[in-house]
């Protein structure tokens, strides 16, 4: 090896280019060339697959956003369905002592069902009211709901803790206890 170093840097004209010896054997050059080609092919394939997955993710992301937008609009349009619940609660509160217990029981049962529906509607509105700022990635939260901001997640937690149906079950219990 040392001889090769000195041979390469001798005075011009003493050694012919064809006389120089290669420091690597021929099969090592072939292996190095094959390794470089293999790395380049893998890099090109990786880049191609990354572009494909990016396109698929963007398509899925836009479909997710469309689903959220349409569900949010639907939920807001049907939010007026809370009026029957208020009417049922008013009917329960205005009932007299001598009124038929079966009628009161029907009102309480109807109010329980309407309260559960309102709770689900509220949770749905909160879940679909995401902002998607800065391409926020949805994260699973309570009951596998997808939330994108901390504020949305806090509202969802609050809505799950402050449901309307537990007081109605308590009213039902107190009505039949007395």
Foldseek 3Di string as FASTA:
>chain_A
DVVLVVVVPDDPPPDDPVRRDDPDDPVVVVVVVVVVVVVVVVVVVVVVVVVVVVVVVVVVVVVVLVVLVVLLVVLVVCLVVCVVLVVLVVCLVPDDPPDDVVVNVVSLVVNLVSLVVNLVSQLSNLLSPADCPPVFDWDQDPPRRTHRDPVSRVSNVVSVVDGDNVVSVVVVVVVVVD
